[in-house]
Amino acid sequence: MLTPPANLTIYVATQPVDFRKGAEGLALLAKETLGHDPMKGVAVVFRAKRADRVKIVVWDGSGLVMYWKRLDSNGFKWPPIVAGVMRMNAAQLSALLAGMDWTRMHAPRIRQPKALA
């Protein structure tokens, strides 16, 4: 199970990609087409044409990591297929990877502290 750090910036490519691509090919696609470079500390999530597969590429500080998962039953709940990317938080990504409805996961709102005296 992948547990992303809470401060990791996560982008989801909303259009399906060619799943024959490896980590370097997906990282290049993310940088050139989507404008988000996994080598700069962001995770980019890709989906296949079949909704049951996901690949994630991210630089972990020492190398490029590619996470790949296929669900045995059903498929992942993906955002609508449109051009571009969308942002997702770590809790939503964890729910997506578990096959859950990630749209119900929201980050808690942290209120700004009031000024002292």
C-alpha atoms as a PDB file:
ATOM      1  CA  MET A   1       0.000   0.000   0.000  1.00  0.00           C
ATOM      2  CA  LEU A   2       1.335   3.381  -0.990  1.00  0.00           C
ATOM      3  CA  THR A   3       1.069   6.072   1.672  1.00  0.00           C
ATOM      4  CA  PRO A   4       1.946   9.446   0.183  1.00  0.00           C
ATOM      5  CA  PRO A   5       3.257  12.185   2.477  1.00  0.00           C
ATOM      6  CA  ALA A   6       0.577  14.735   3.366  1.00  0.00           C
ATOM      7  CA  ASN A   7       2.573  17.601   1.837  1.00  0.00           C
ATOM      8  CA  LEU A   8       3.121  15.897  -1.540  1.00  0.00           C
ATOM      9  CA  THR A   9       1.641  17.805  -4.482  1.00  0.00           C
ATOM     10  CA  ILE A  10      -0.374  15.361  -6.598  1.00  0.00           C
ATOM     11  CA  TYR A  11      -1.674  15.923 -10.125  1.00  0.00           C
ATOM     12  CA  VAL A  12      -3.982  13.572 -12.022  1.00  0.00           C
ATOM     13  CA  ALA A  13      -3.799  13.408 -15.815  1.00  0.00           C
ATOM     14  CA  THR A  14      -7.487  13.178 -16.645  1.00  0.00           C
ATOM     15  CA  GLN A  15      -7.049  11.682 -20.119  1.00  0.00           C
ATOM     16  CA  PRO A  16      -5.953   8.040 -20.531  1.00  0.00           C
ATOM     17  CA  VAL A  17      -2.347   7.432 -21.618  1.00  0.00           C
ATOM     18  CA  ASP A  18      -0.509   4.610 -23.374  1.00  0.00           C
ATOM     19  CA  PHE A  19       0.304   2.179 -20.554  1.00  0.00           C
ATOM     20  CA  ARG A  20       3.212   0.687 -22.478  1.00  0.00           C
ATOM     21  CA  LYS A  21       5.217   3.740 -21.359  1.00  0.00           C
ATOM     22  CA  GLY A  22       7.638   3.291 -18.493  1.00  0.00           C
ATOM     23  CA  ALA A  23       8.671   5.688 -15.744  1.00  0.00           C
ATOM     24  CA  GLU A  24      10.899   7.871 -17.952  1.00  0.00           C
ATOM     25  CA  GLY A  25       8.295   8.069 -20.735  1.00  0.00           C
ATOM     26  CA  LEU A  26       5.536   9.060 -18.324  1.00  0.00           C
ATOM     27  CA  ALA A  27       7.771  11.612 -16.588  1.00  0.00           C
ATOM     28  CA  LEU A  28       8.591  13.179 -19.955  1.00  0.00           C
ATOM     29  CA  LEU A  29       4.897  13.194 -20.908  1.00  0.00           C
ATOM     30  CA  ALA A  30       4.037  14.876 -17.608  1.00  0.00           C
ATOM     31  CA  LYS A  31       6.692  17.549 -18.091  1.00  0.00           C
ATOM     32  CA  GLU A  32       6.107  18.349 -21.765  1.00  0.00           C
ATOM     33  CA  THR A  33       2.358  17.857 -22.132  1.00  0.00           C
ATOM     34  CA  LEU A  34       0.948  18.528 -18.673  1.00  0.00           C
ATOM     35  CA  GLY A  35       3.507  21.062 -17.432  1.00  0.00           C
ATOM     36  CA  HIS A  36       4.296  19.224 -14.179  1.00  0.00           C
ATOM     37  CA  ASP A  37       7.749  17.708 -13.757  1.00  0.00           C
ATOM     38  CA  PRO A  38       7.893  14.660 -11.447  1.00  0.00           C
ATOM     39  CA  MET A  39      11.615  15.367 -10.998  1.00  0.00           C
ATOM     40  CA  LYS A  40      10.642  18.572  -9.126  1.00  0.00           C
ATOM     41  CA  GLY A  41       8.878  16.820  -6.247  1.00  0.00           C
ATOM     42  CA  VAL A  42       5.342  16.337  -7.555  1.00  0.00           C
ATOM     43  CA  ALA A  43       3.527  13.060  -8.130  1.00  0.00           C
ATOM     44  CA  VAL A  44       1.668  12.593 -11.404  1.00  0.00           C
ATOM     45  CA  VAL A  45      -1.107   9.999 -11.609  1.00  0.00           C
ATOM     46  CA  PHE A  46      -1.976   8.403 -14.948  1.00  0.00           C
ATOM     47  CA  ARG A  47      -4.898   6.211 -15.965  1.00  0.00           C
ATOM     48  CA  ALA A  48      -5.216   3.630 -18.719  1.00  0.00           C
ATOM     49  CA  LYS A  49      -8.064   3.415 -21.208  1.00  0.00           C
ATOM     50  CA  ARG A  50      -9.390   0.637 -19.031  1.00  0.00           C
ATOM     51  CA  ALA A  51     -10.422   2.202 -15.734  1.00  0.00           C
ATOM     52  CA  ASP A  52      -8.866  -0.627 -13.697  1.00  0.00           C
ATOM     53  CA  ARG A  53      -5.219   0.504 -13.995  1.00  0.00           C
ATOM     54  CA  VAL A  54      -3.157   3.347 -12.543  1.00  0.00           C
ATOM     55  CA  LYS A  55       0.486   4.435 -12.747  1.00  0.00           C
ATOM     56  CA  ILE A  56       2.106   7.115 -10.601  1.00  0.00           C
ATOM     57  CA  VAL A  57       5.529   8.657 -11.188  1.00  0.00           C
ATOM     58  CA  VAL A  58       7.383  10.691  -8.585  1.00  0.00           C
ATOM     59  CA  TRP A  59      10.975  11.563  -7.673  1.00  0.00           C
ATOM     60  CA  ASP A  60      11.683  10.352  -4.132  1.00  0.00           C
ATOM     61  CA  GLY A  61      14.957  12.218  -3.671  1.00  0.00           C
ATOM     62  CA  SER A  62      17.226   9.439  -4.873  1.00  0.00           C
ATOM     63  CA  GLY A  63      15.508   8.164  -7.995  1.00  0.00           C
ATOM     64  CA  LEU A  64      12.398   8.099 -10.162  1.00  0.00           C
ATOM     65  CA  VAL A  65       9.708   5.825  -8.749  1.00  0.00           C
ATOM     66  CA  MET A  66       6.811   4.339 -10.696  1.00  0.00           C
ATOM     67  CA  TYR A  67       3.895   2.842  -8.805  1.00  0.00           C
ATOM     68  CA  TRP A  68       1.588   0.579 -10.835  1.00  0.00           C
ATOM     69  CA  LYS A  69      -1.673  -0.986  -9.705  1.00  0.00           C
ATOM     70  CA  ARG A  70      -4.495  -2.961 -11.292  1.00  0.00           C
ATOM     71  CA  LEU A  71      -7.766  -3.636  -9.497  1.00  0.00           C
ATOM     72  CA  ASP A  72      -9.046  -7.188  -9.793  1.00  0.00           C
ATOM     73  CA  SER A  73     -12.699  -6.247  -9.540  1.00  0.00           C
ATOM     74  CA  ASN A  74     -14.408  -3.125 -10.842  1.00  0.00           C
ATOM     75  CA  GLY A  75     -12.270  -0.110 -11.641  1.00  0.00           C
ATOM     76  CA  PHE A  76     -10.944   3.025 -10.077  1.00  0.00           C
ATOM     77  CA  LYS A  77     -13.299   5.982  -9.732  1.00  0.00           C
ATOM     78  CA  TRP A  78     -11.723   8.496 -12.098  1.00  0.00           C
ATOM     79  CA  PRO A  79     -12.564  12.149 -12.692  1.00  0.00           C
ATOM     80  CA  PRO A  80     -14.304  12.938 -15.997  1.00  0.00           C
ATOM     81  CA  ILE A  81     -12.107  12.642 -19.098  1.00  0.00           C
ATOM     82  CA  VAL A  82     -11.236  16.192 -20.126  1.00  0.00           C
ATOM     83  CA  ALA A  83      -8.059  17.838 -21.347  1.00  0.00           C
ATOM     84  CA  GLY A  84      -5.547  18.798 -18.681  1.00  0.00           C
ATOM     85  CA  VAL A  85      -4.863  17.861 -15.089  1.00  0.00           C
ATOM     86  CA  MET A  86      -6.540  18.179 -11.730  1.00  0.00           C
ATOM     87  CA  ARG A  87      -5.058  18.422  -8.269  1.00  0.00           C
ATOM     88  CA  MET A  88      -5.664  15.822  -5.568  1.00  0.00           C
ATOM     89  CA  ASN A  89      -4.582  15.620  -1.930  1.00  0.00           C
ATOM     90  CA  ALA A  90      -2.889  12.650  -0.249  1.00  0.00           C
ATOM     91  CA  ALA A  91      -6.098  11.395   1.405  1.00  0.00           C
ATOM     92  CA  GLN A  92      -7.940  11.446  -1.923  1.00  0.00           C
ATOM     93  CA  LEU A  93      -5.081   9.567  -3.619  1.00  0.00           C
ATOM     94  CA  SER A  94      -5.103   6.911  -0.891  1.00  0.00           C
ATOM     95  CA  ALA A  95      -8.858   6.484  -1.346  1.00  0.00           C
ATOM     96  CA  LEU A  96      -8.472   6.277  -5.142  1.00  0.00           C
ATOM     97  CA  LEU A  97      -5.794   3.586  -4.838  1.00  0.00           C
ATOM     98  CA  ALA A  98      -8.005   1.609  -2.442  1.00  0.00           C
ATOM     99  CA  GLY A  99     -10.789   1.619  -5.048  1.00  0.00           C
ATOM    100  CA  MET A 100     -12.963   3.925  -2.958  1.00  0.00           C
ATOM    101  CA  ASP A 101     -14.920   7.015  -3.970  1.00  0.00           C
ATOM    102  CA  TRP A 102     -12.183   9.637  -3.519  1.00  0.00           C
ATOM    103  CA  THR A 103     -14.603  12.509  -4.178  1.00  0.00           C
ATOM    104  CA  ARG A 104     -15.910  12.105  -0.633  1.00  0.00           C
ATOM    105  CA  MET A 105     -12.472  12.702   0.885  1.00  0.00           C
ATOM    106  CA  HIS A 106     -11.765  16.311   1.796  1.00  0.00           C
ATOM    107  CA  ALA A 107      -8.843  17.821   3.628  1.00  0.00           C
ATOM    108  CA  PRO A 108      -9.828  19.411   6.922  1.00  0.00           C
ATOM    109  CA  ARG A 109      -9.911  23.179   6.910  1.00  0.00           C
ATOM    110  CA  ILE A 110      -7.408  24.580   9.345  1.00  0.00           C
ATOM    111  CA  ARG A 111      -8.372  27.964  10.725  1.00  0.00           C
ATOM    112  CA  GLN A 112      -5.785  30.683  11.035  1.00  0.00           C
ATOM    113  CA  PRO A 113      -4.860  31.405  14.649  1.00  0.00           C
ATOM    114  CA  LYS A 114      -6.106  34.647  16.087  1.00  0.00           C
ATOM    115  CA  ALA A 115      -3.564  37.266  17.036  1.00  0.00           C
ATOM    116  CA  LEU A 116      -2.357  37.199  20.589  1.00  0.00           C
ATOM    117  CA  ALA A 117      -3.286  40.149  22.768  1.00  0.00           C
END
